[in-house]
């Protein structure tokens, strides 16, 4: 266990140093997820003029939560894996005793730590501009949010890493990620709050993992979601995670055989 902790700590320190090498780039990546702020203005005006499930202030808080959740769950592992496979950089990593997947995961966690100051700064700026939207989540709400958003991040990482393993068979596995991202944005509630969906459509969408990866963490953060529903969402995420973990390991073994057969 101590060896595992030392290894993880070493990978984290290396990843954090790498991520903080270009701090301005981190700020630009944080701003790249500001689409939710634009949509906040659109939907808050619509809620003020029409009859929706959420009021204008609730819409503002919801899309701020979307911004925060996306900052905490952003994943880019598919582009790293694609580059490693195409450039032949994967071969030396296979000689090391650490599975490359763990290296990617720790780098993502290190990036969260490096990105956090910019995220906090942008949230503070938001409340300066919208003081009426200020609210203080309860400790129970923050705990539920932390559990849910951590599970959502792990599932997002696992799903994208599984798609990334298609690089062993095609040069553009990232094209498949574009389809997955569109589904995540729409069915996850990043473009439209699922509260605005008809009940029948929302019931169907809830069968997918996307609402639990984005919409539900946002609703938890702004309040109004019982603990039992959070527990069900975590169970859904864990179930989908188990499925993608099995698929991931199968694709990894098949992909390595193909990779080695090509002379790597």
C-alpha atoms as a PDB file:
ATOM      1  CA  UNK A   1       0.000   0.000   0.000  1.00  0.00           C
ATOM      2  CA  UNK A   2       2.829   2.406   0.862  1.00  0.00           C
ATOM      3  CA  UNK A   3       4.440   1.713  -2.510  1.00  0.00           C
ATOM      4  CA  UNK A   4       1.136   2.452  -4.239  1.00  0.00           C
ATOM      5  CA  UNK A   5       0.792   5.739  -2.362  1.00  0.00           C
ATOM      6  CA  UNK A   6       4.363   6.756  -3.222  1.00  0.00           C
ATOM      7  CA  UNK A   7       3.820   5.901  -6.887  1.00  0.00           C
ATOM      8  CA  UNK A   8       0.551   7.830  -7.044  1.00  0.00           C
ATOM      9  CA  UNK A   9       2.134  10.776  -5.248  1.00  0.00           C
ATOM     10  CA  UNK A  10       5.065  10.806  -7.643  1.00  0.00           C
ATOM     11  CA  UNK A  11       2.803  10.706 -10.687  1.00  0.00           C
ATOM     12  CA  UNK A  12       0.662  13.487  -9.203  1.00  0.00           C
ATOM     13  CA  UNK A  13       3.657  15.755  -8.572  1.00  0.00           C
ATOM     14  CA  UNK A  14       4.945  15.225 -12.102  1.00  0.00           C
ATOM     15  CA  UNK A  15       1.491  15.789 -13.576  1.00  0.00           C
ATOM     16  CA  UNK A  16       0.897  18.920 -11.494  1.00  0.00           C
ATOM     17  CA  UNK A  17       4.262  20.397 -12.492  1.00  0.00           C
ATOM     18  CA  UNK A  18       3.484  19.687 -16.143  1.00  0.00           C
ATOM     19  CA  UNK A  19      -0.005  21.222 -15.927  1.00  0.00           C
ATOM     20  CA  UNK A  20       1.233  24.401 -14.224  1.00  0.00           C
ATOM     21  CA  UNK A  21       3.998  24.926 -16.770  1.00  0.00           C
ATOM     22  CA  UNK A  22       1.658  27.064 -18.878  1.00  0.00           C
ATOM     23  CA  UNK A  23      -0.790  28.675 -16.437  1.00  0.00           C
ATOM     24  CA  UNK A  24      -2.315  31.008 -19.027  1.00  0.00           C
ATOM     25  CA  UNK A  25      -3.355  27.950 -21.030  1.00  0.00           C
ATOM     26  CA  UNK A  26      -5.256  26.635 -17.999  1.00  0.00           C
ATOM     27  CA  UNK A  27      -7.190  29.893 -17.794  1.00  0.00           C
ATOM     28  CA  UNK A  28      -8.058  29.669 -21.486  1.00  0.00           C
ATOM     29  CA  UNK A  29      -9.278  26.092 -21.048  1.00  0.00           C
ATOM     30  CA  UNK A  30     -11.384  27.182 -18.076  1.00  0.00           C
ATOM     31  CA  UNK A  31     -12.922  29.964 -20.168  1.00  0.00           C
ATOM     32  CA  UNK A  32     -13.549  27.488 -22.997  1.00  0.00           C
ATOM     33  CA  UNK A  33     -16.344  25.975 -20.898  1.00  0.00           C
ATOM     34  CA  UNK A  34     -18.182  29.292 -20.545  1.00  0.00           C
ATOM     35  CA  UNK A  35     -20.952  28.264 -22.962  1.00  0.00           C
ATOM     36  CA  UNK A  36     -23.137  27.619 -19.929  1.00  0.00           C
ATOM     37  CA  UNK A  37     -22.815  31.295 -18.946  1.00  0.00           C
ATOM     38  CA  UNK A  38     -24.135  32.322 -22.382  1.00  0.00           C
ATOM     39  CA  UNK A  39     -26.995  29.830 -22.180  1.00  0.00           C
ATOM     40  CA  UNK A  40     -27.746  31.095 -18.678  1.00  0.00           C
ATOM     41  CA  UNK A  41     -28.643  34.512 -20.104  1.00  0.00           C
ATOM     42  CA  UNK A  42     -30.804  32.996 -22.828  1.00  0.00           C
ATOM     43  CA  UNK A  43     -32.787  30.633 -20.592  1.00  0.00           C
ATOM     44  CA  UNK A  44     -33.140  33.091 -17.688  1.00  0.00           C
ATOM     45  CA  UNK A  45     -34.786  35.565 -20.059  1.00  0.00           C
ATOM     46  CA  UNK A  46     -37.028  32.804 -21.406  1.00  0.00           C
ATOM     47  CA  UNK A  47     -37.982  31.757 -17.870  1.00  0.00           C
ATOM     48  CA  UNK A  48     -38.827  35.380 -16.992  1.00  0.00           C
ATOM     49  CA  UNK A  49     -41.165  35.704 -19.965  1.00  0.00           C
ATOM     50  CA  UNK A  50     -42.727  32.238 -20.040  1.00  0.00           C
ATOM     51  CA  UNK A  51     -43.918  29.433 -17.821  1.00  0.00           C
ATOM     52  CA  UNK A  52     -41.100  26.991 -17.069  1.00  0.00           C
ATOM     53  CA  UNK A  53     -40.294  24.488 -14.342  1.00  0.00           C
ATOM     54  CA  UNK A  54     -37.496  26.787 -13.099  1.00  0.00           C
ATOM     55  CA  UNK A  55     -37.633  30.482 -12.334  1.00  0.00           C
ATOM     56  CA  UNK A  56     -35.063  33.007 -13.634  1.00  0.00           C
ATOM     57  CA  UNK A  57     -32.952  32.886 -10.455  1.00  0.00           C
ATOM     58  CA  UNK A  58     -33.033  29.072 -10.402  1.00  0.00           C
ATOM     59  CA  UNK A  59     -31.913  29.014 -14.037  1.00  0.00           C
ATOM     60  CA  UNK A  60     -28.983  31.325 -13.242  1.00  0.00           C
ATOM     61  CA  UNK A  61     -27.865  29.097 -10.384  1.00  0.00           C
ATOM     62  CA  UNK A  62     -28.335  25.959 -12.457  1.00  0.00           C
ATOM     63  CA  UNK A  63     -26.090  27.115 -15.299  1.00  0.00           C
ATOM     64  CA  UNK A  64     -23.456  28.301 -12.841  1.00  0.00           C
ATOM     65  CA  UNK A  65     -23.547  24.765 -11.437  1.00  0.00           C
ATOM     66  CA  UNK A  66     -23.182  23.429 -14.997  1.00  0.00           C
ATOM     67  CA  UNK A  67     -20.059  25.544 -15.378  1.00  0.00           C
ATOM     68  CA  UNK A  68     -18.622  24.214 -12.102  1.00  0.00           C
ATOM     69  CA  UNK A  69     -19.459  20.569 -12.847  1.00  0.00           C
ATOM     70  CA  UNK A  70     -17.936  20.754 -16.314  1.00  0.00           C
ATOM     71  CA  UNK A  71     -14.769  22.240 -14.822  1.00  0.00           C
ATOM     72  CA  UNK A  72     -14.549  19.301 -12.424  1.00  0.00           C
ATOM     73  CA  UNK A  73     -15.400  16.542 -14.909  1.00  0.00           C
ATOM     74  CA  UNK A  74     -13.702  17.610 -18.137  1.00  0.00           C
ATOM     75  CA  UNK A  75     -11.803  14.746 -19.792  1.00  0.00           C
ATOM     76  CA  UNK A  76      -9.369  14.735 -22.743  1.00  0.00           C
ATOM     77  CA  UNK A  77      -7.710  11.314 -22.448  1.00  0.00           C
ATOM     78  CA  UNK A  78      -8.779  10.273 -25.960  1.00  0.00           C
ATOM     79  CA  UNK A  79      -6.481  12.842 -27.582  1.00  0.00           C
ATOM     80  CA  UNK A  80      -3.527  11.764 -25.430  1.00  0.00           C
ATOM     81  CA  UNK A  81      -4.049   8.088 -26.265  1.00  0.00           C
ATOM     82  CA  UNK A  82      -4.551   8.854 -29.950  1.00  0.00           C
ATOM     83  CA  UNK A  83      -1.262  10.737 -30.078  1.00  0.00           C
ATOM     84  CA  UNK A  84       0.617   8.044 -28.174  1.00  0.00           C
ATOM     85  CA  UNK A  85      -0.567   5.274 -30.479  1.00  0.00           C
ATOM     86  CA  UNK A  86      -0.006   7.186 -33.716  1.00  0.00           C
ATOM     87  CA  UNK A  87       3.401   8.582 -32.714  1.00  0.00           C
ATOM     88  CA  UNK A  88       4.663   5.311 -31.217  1.00  0.00           C
ATOM     89  CA  UNK A  89       4.941   6.809 -27.731  1.00  0.00           C
ATOM     90  CA  UNK A  90       2.873   4.031 -26.184  1.00  0.00           C
ATOM     91  CA  UNK A  91       5.550   1.352 -26.618  1.00  0.00           C
ATOM     92  CA  UNK A  92       8.004   2.681 -23.965  1.00  0.00           C
ATOM     93  CA  UNK A  93       5.108   3.198 -21.510  1.00  0.00           C
ATOM     94  CA  UNK A  94       4.243  -0.496 -21.802  1.00  0.00           C
ATOM     95  CA  UNK A  95       7.710  -1.358 -20.468  1.00  0.00           C
ATOM     96  CA  UNK A  96       6.955   0.426 -17.194  1.00  0.00           C
ATOM     97  CA  UNK A  97       5.243  -1.363 -14.288  1.00  0.00           C
ATOM     98  CA  UNK A  98       2.359   1.162 -14.195  1.00  0.00           C
ATOM     99  CA  UNK A  99      -0.612   0.756 -16.513  1.00  0.00           C
ATOM    100  CA  UNK A 100      -0.766   3.827 -18.814  1.00  0.00           C
ATOM    101  CA  UNK A 101      -4.406   4.307 -17.831  1.00  0.00           C
ATOM    102  CA  UNK A 102      -3.425   5.145 -14.253  1.00  0.00           C
ATOM    103  CA  UNK A 103      -0.942   7.715 -15.546  1.00  0.00           C
ATOM    104  CA  UNK A 104      -3.694   9.395 -17.571  1.00  0.00           C
ATOM    105  CA  UNK A 105      -6.070   9.371 -14.599  1.00  0.00           C
ATOM    106  CA  UNK A 106      -3.539  10.943 -12.219  1.00  0.00           C
ATOM    107  CA  UNK A 107      -2.720  13.612 -14.822  1.00  0.00           C
ATOM    108  CA  UNK A 108      -6.417  14.504 -14.966  1.00  0.00           C
ATOM    109  CA  UNK A 109      -6.583  14.777 -11.178  1.00  0.00           C
ATOM    110  CA  UNK A 110      -3.448  16.956 -11.157  1.00  0.00           C
ATOM    111  CA  UNK A 111      -5.013  19.197 -13.785  1.00  0.00           C
ATOM    112  CA  UNK A 112      -8.057  19.662 -11.531  1.00  0.00           C
ATOM    113  CA  UNK A 113      -5.797  20.882  -8.744  1.00  0.00           C
ATOM    114  CA  UNK A 114      -4.012  23.267 -11.110  1.00  0.00           C
ATOM    115  CA  UNK A 115      -7.269  24.538 -12.650  1.00  0.00           C
ATOM    116  CA  UNK A 116      -9.085  25.078  -9.342  1.00  0.00           C
ATOM    117  CA  UNK A 117      -7.767  28.613  -8.578  1.00  0.00           C
ATOM    118  CA  UNK A 118      -8.995  29.860 -11.960  1.00  0.00           C
ATOM    119  CA  UNK A 119     -12.374  28.192 -11.470  1.00  0.00           C
ATOM    120  CA  UNK A 120     -12.795  29.752  -8.035  1.00  0.00           C
ATOM    121  CA  UNK A 121     -11.789  33.152  -9.432  1.00  0.00           C
ATOM    122  CA  UNK A 122     -14.392  32.914 -12.196  1.00  0.00           C
ATOM    123  CA  UNK A 123     -17.109  31.849  -9.728  1.00  0.00           C
ATOM    124  CA  UNK A 124     -16.278  34.769  -7.439  1.00  0.00           C
ATOM    125  CA  UNK A 125     -16.438  37.116 -10.436  1.00  0.00           C
ATOM    126  CA  UNK A 126     -19.817  35.640 -11.325  1.00  0.00           C
ATOM    127  CA  UNK A 127     -21.226  36.414  -7.872  1.00  0.00           C
ATOM    128  CA  UNK A 128     -19.840  39.948  -8.059  1.00  0.00           C
ATOM    129  CA  UNK A 129     -21.822  40.430 -11.264  1.00  0.00           C
ATOM    130  CA  UNK A 130     -24.908  38.487 -10.034  1.00  0.00           C
ATOM    131  CA  UNK A 131     -25.055  39.033  -6.249  1.00  0.00           C
ATOM    132  CA  UNK A 132     -28.729  37.990  -6.155  1.00  0.00           C
ATOM    133  CA  UNK A 133     -27.707  34.467  -7.221  1.00  0.00           C
ATOM    134  CA  UNK A 134     -25.598  33.919  -4.098  1.00  0.00           C
ATOM    135  CA  UNK A 135     -26.488  30.847  -2.062  1.00  0.00           C
ATOM    136  CA  UNK A 136     -24.726  28.676   0.501  1.00  0.00           C
ATOM    137  CA  UNK A 137     -25.172  24.885   0.081  1.00  0.00           C
ATOM    138  CA  UNK A 138     -25.565  22.881   3.270  1.00  0.00           C
ATOM    139  CA  UNK A 139     -22.799  20.453   4.379  1.00  0.00           C
ATOM    140  CA  UNK A 140     -25.033  17.511   3.389  1.00  0.00           C
ATOM    141  CA  UNK A 141     -25.537  19.037  -0.041  1.00  0.00           C
ATOM    142  CA  UNK A 142     -21.794  19.563  -0.514  1.00  0.00           C
ATOM    143  CA  UNK A 143     -21.056  15.991   0.543  1.00  0.00           C
ATOM    144  CA  UNK A 144     -23.675  14.576  -1.830  1.00  0.00           C
ATOM    145  CA  UNK A 145     -22.346  16.795  -4.606  1.00  0.00           C
ATOM    146  CA  UNK A 146     -18.739  15.719  -3.990  1.00  0.00           C
ATOM    147  CA  UNK A 147     -19.640  12.014  -4.118  1.00  0.00           C
ATOM    148  CA  UNK A 148     -21.766  12.414  -7.224  1.00  0.00           C
ATOM    149  CA  UNK A 149     -19.385  14.625  -9.181  1.00  0.00           C
ATOM    150  CA  UNK A 150     -16.412  12.373  -8.355  1.00  0.00           C
ATOM    151  CA  UNK A 151     -18.298   9.314  -9.574  1.00  0.00           C
ATOM    152  CA  UNK A 152     -19.412  11.228 -12.674  1.00  0.00           C
ATOM    153  CA  UNK A 153     -15.827  12.228 -13.460  1.00  0.00           C
ATOM    154  CA  UNK A 154     -14.586   8.652 -13.113  1.00  0.00           C
ATOM    155  CA  UNK A 155     -17.305   7.401 -15.444  1.00  0.00           C
ATOM    156  CA  UNK A 156     -16.619  10.140 -18.002  1.00  0.00           C
ATOM    157  CA  UNK A 157     -12.931   9.237 -17.902  1.00  0.00           C
ATOM    158  CA  UNK A 158     -13.665   5.525 -18.278  1.00  0.00           C
ATOM    159  CA  UNK A 159     -16.096   6.044 -21.165  1.00  0.00           C
ATOM    160  CA  UNK A 160     -13.716   8.288 -23.086  1.00  0.00           C
ATOM    161  CA  UNK A 161     -10.746   6.029 -22.353  1.00  0.00           C
ATOM    162  CA  UNK A 162     -12.741   3.087 -23.695  1.00  0.00           C
ATOM    163  CA  UNK A 163     -13.548   5.018 -26.875  1.00  0.00           C
ATOM    164  CA  UNK A 164      -9.878   6.019 -27.099  1.00  0.00           C
ATOM    165  CA  UNK A 165      -8.843   2.370 -27.375  1.00  0.00           C
ATOM    166  CA  UNK A 166     -10.402   2.415 -30.832  1.00  0.00           C
ATOM    167  CA  UNK A 167      -7.112   4.047 -31.864  1.00  0.00           C
ATOM    168  CA  UNK A 168      -5.722   0.526 -32.189  1.00  0.00           C
ATOM    169  CA  UNK A 169      -8.057  -0.001 -35.148  1.00  0.00           C
ATOM    170  CA  UNK A 170      -8.627   3.485 -36.582  1.00  0.00           C
ATOM    171  CA  UNK A 171      -6.632   6.687 -36.841  1.00  0.00           C
ATOM    172  CA  UNK A 172      -9.524   8.933 -35.775  1.00  0.00           C
ATOM    173  CA  UNK A 173     -11.092   7.468 -32.660  1.00  0.00           C
ATOM    174  CA  UNK A 174     -11.695  11.066 -31.559  1.00  0.00           C
ATOM    175  CA  UNK A 175     -14.419  11.266 -34.217  1.00  0.00           C
ATOM    176  CA  UNK A 176     -16.448   8.814 -32.093  1.00  0.00           C
ATOM    177  CA  UNK A 177     -15.913  11.092 -29.102  1.00  0.00           C
ATOM    178  CA  UNK A 178     -17.644  13.931 -30.957  1.00  0.00           C
ATOM    179  CA  UNK A 179     -20.843  11.886 -31.090  1.00  0.00           C
ATOM    180  CA  UNK A 180     -20.522  10.961 -27.422  1.00  0.00           C
ATOM    181  CA  UNK A 181     -19.928  14.619 -26.523  1.00  0.00           C
ATOM    182  CA  UNK A 182     -23.069  15.754 -28.346  1.00  0.00           C
ATOM    183  CA  UNK A 183     -25.130  13.186 -26.461  1.00  0.00           C
ATOM    184  CA  UNK A 184     -23.527  14.245 -23.196  1.00  0.00           C
ATOM    185  CA  UNK A 185     -24.247  17.931 -23.785  1.00  0.00           C
ATOM    186  CA  UNK A 186     -27.885  17.461 -24.777  1.00  0.00           C
ATOM    187  CA  UNK A 187     -28.997  14.499 -22.681  1.00  0.00           C
ATOM    188  CA  UNK A 188     -26.868  15.621 -19.745  1.00  0.00           C
ATOM    189  CA  UNK A 189     -28.617  18.972 -19.483  1.00  0.00           C
ATOM    190  CA  UNK A 190     -25.745  21.260 -20.504  1.00  0.00           C
ATOM    191  CA  UNK A 191     -27.743  22.914 -23.292  1.00  0.00           C
ATOM    192  CA  UNK A 192     -31.243  22.664 -21.836  1.00  0.00           C
ATOM    193  CA  UNK A 193     -32.124  21.832 -18.216  1.00  0.00           C
ATOM    194  CA  UNK A 194     -33.847  18.457 -18.130  1.00  0.00           C
ATOM    195  CA  UNK A 195     -36.479  20.121 -15.947  1.00  0.00           C
ATOM    196  CA  UNK A 196     -37.784  21.682 -19.182  1.00  0.00           C
ATOM    197  CA  UNK A 197     -38.207  18.273 -20.868  1.00  0.00           C
ATOM    198  CA  UNK A 198     -41.651  16.621 -21.019  1.00  0.00           C
ATOM    199  CA  UNK A 199     -42.047  14.024 -18.268  1.00  0.00           C
ATOM    200  CA  UNK A 200     -42.195  11.129 -20.753  1.00  0.00           C
ATOM    201  CA  UNK A 201     -39.011  12.204 -22.531  1.00  0.00           C
ATOM    202  CA  UNK A 202     -37.168  12.853 -19.257  1.00  0.00           C
ATOM    203  CA  UNK A 203     -38.109   9.362 -18.037  1.00  0.00           C
ATOM    204  CA  UNK A 204     -36.462   7.867 -21.135  1.00  0.00           C
ATOM    205  CA  UNK A 205     -33.382  10.087 -20.846  1.00  0.00           C
ATOM    206  CA  UNK A 206     -32.938   9.085 -17.209  1.00  0.00           C
ATOM    207  CA  UNK A 207     -32.256   5.518 -18.375  1.00  0.00           C
ATOM    208  CA  UNK A 208     -28.959   6.751 -19.823  1.00  0.00           C
ATOM    209  CA  UNK A 209     -25.934   7.707 -17.693  1.00  0.00           C
ATOM    210  CA  UNK A 210     -25.809  11.295 -19.001  1.00  0.00           C
ATOM    211  CA  UNK A 211     -28.243  12.973 -16.553  1.00  0.00           C
ATOM    212  CA  UNK A 212     -26.372  11.539 -13.569  1.00  0.00           C
ATOM    213  CA  UNK A 213     -23.100  12.809 -15.060  1.00  0.00           C
ATOM    214  CA  UNK A 214     -24.191  16.450 -15.302  1.00  0.00           C
ATOM    215  CA  UNK A 215     -27.827  17.406 -14.667  1.00  0.00           C
ATOM    216  CA  UNK A 216     -28.211  15.689 -11.310  1.00  0.00           C
ATOM    217  CA  UNK A 217     -24.942  16.991  -9.805  1.00  0.00           C
ATOM    218  CA  UNK A 218     -26.039  20.488 -10.820  1.00  0.00           C
ATOM    219  CA  UNK A 219     -29.478  20.035  -9.254  1.00  0.00           C
ATOM    220  CA  UNK A 220     -27.859  18.668  -6.104  1.00  0.00           C
ATOM    221  CA  UNK A 221     -25.559  21.678  -5.831  1.00  0.00           C
ATOM    222  CA  UNK A 222     -28.404  24.187  -6.115  1.00  0.00           C
ATOM    223  CA  UNK A 223     -30.519  22.140  -3.667  1.00  0.00           C
ATOM    224  CA  UNK A 224     -33.811  20.303  -3.845  1.00  0.00           C
ATOM    225  CA  UNK A 225     -32.644  16.716  -4.523  1.00  0.00           C
ATOM    226  CA  UNK A 226     -33.239  14.095  -1.797  1.00  0.00           C
ATOM    227  CA  UNK A 227     -30.405  11.851  -0.649  1.00  0.00           C
ATOM    228  CA  UNK A 228     -32.233   8.744  -1.906  1.00  0.00           C
ATOM    229  CA  UNK A 229     -32.168  10.098  -5.454  1.00  0.00           C
ATOM    230  CA  UNK A 230     -28.459  10.828  -5.129  1.00  0.00           C
ATOM    231  CA  UNK A 231     -27.894   7.236  -4.005  1.00  0.00           C
ATOM    232  CA  UNK A 232     -29.809   5.943  -7.033  1.00  0.00           C
ATOM    233  CA  UNK A 233     -27.751   8.167  -9.330  1.00  0.00           C
ATOM    234  CA  UNK A 234     -24.496   6.871  -7.832  1.00  0.00           C
ATOM    235  CA  UNK A 235     -25.760   3.306  -8.329  1.00  0.00           C
ATOM    236  CA  UNK A 236     -26.518   4.102 -11.985  1.00  0.00           C
ATOM    237  CA  UNK A 237     -23.053   5.563 -12.495  1.00  0.00           C
ATOM    238  CA  UNK A 238     -21.372   2.597 -10.796  1.00  0.00           C
ATOM    239  CA  UNK A 239     -23.395   0.159 -12.905  1.00  0.00           C
ATOM    240  CA  UNK A 240     -22.436   1.861 -16.161  1.00  0.00           C
ATOM    241  CA  UNK A 241     -18.862   2.118 -14.877  1.00  0.00           C
ATOM    242  CA  UNK A 242     -18.689  -1.634 -14.295  1.00  0.00           C
ATOM    243  CA  UNK A 243     -19.946  -2.235 -17.835  1.00  0.00           C
ATOM    244  CA  UNK A 244     -17.422   0.108 -19.443  1.00  0.00           C
ATOM    245  CA  UNK A 245     -14.614  -1.271 -17.263  1.00  0.00           C
ATOM    246  CA  UNK A 246     -15.203  -4.760 -18.648  1.00  0.00           C
ATOM    247  CA  UNK A 247     -15.375  -3.439 -22.227  1.00  0.00           C
ATOM    248  CA  UNK A 248     -12.266  -1.348 -21.613  1.00  0.00           C
ATOM    249  CA  UNK A 249     -10.177  -4.292 -20.426  1.00  0.00           C
ATOM    250  CA  UNK A 250     -11.321  -6.462 -23.332  1.00  0.00           C
ATOM    251  CA  UNK A 251     -10.467  -3.757 -25.879  1.00  0.00           C
ATOM    252  CA  UNK A 252      -7.133  -3.096 -24.157  1.00  0.00           C
ATOM    253  CA  UNK A 253      -6.029  -6.722 -24.414  1.00  0.00           C
ATOM    254  CA  UNK A 254      -7.195  -7.054 -28.033  1.00  0.00           C
ATOM    255  CA  UNK A 255      -5.625  -3.718 -28.912  1.00  0.00           C
ATOM    256  CA  UNK A 256      -2.253  -4.644 -27.395  1.00  0.00           C
ATOM    257  CA  UNK A 257      -2.165  -7.819 -29.446  1.00  0.00           C
ATOM    258  CA  UNK A 258      -2.818  -5.787 -32.583  1.00  0.00           C
ATOM    259  CA  UNK A 259      -0.294  -3.132 -31.513  1.00  0.00           C
ATOM    260  CA  UNK A 260       2.461  -5.701 -30.957  1.00  0.00           C
ATOM    261  CA  UNK A 261       1.622  -7.488 -34.198  1.00  0.00           C
ATOM    262  CA  UNK A 262       2.312  -4.231 -36.051  1.00  0.00           C
ATOM    263  CA  UNK A 263       5.899  -4.279 -34.768  1.00  0.00           C
ATOM    264  CA  UNK A 264       5.595  -1.988 -31.740  1.00  0.00           C
END
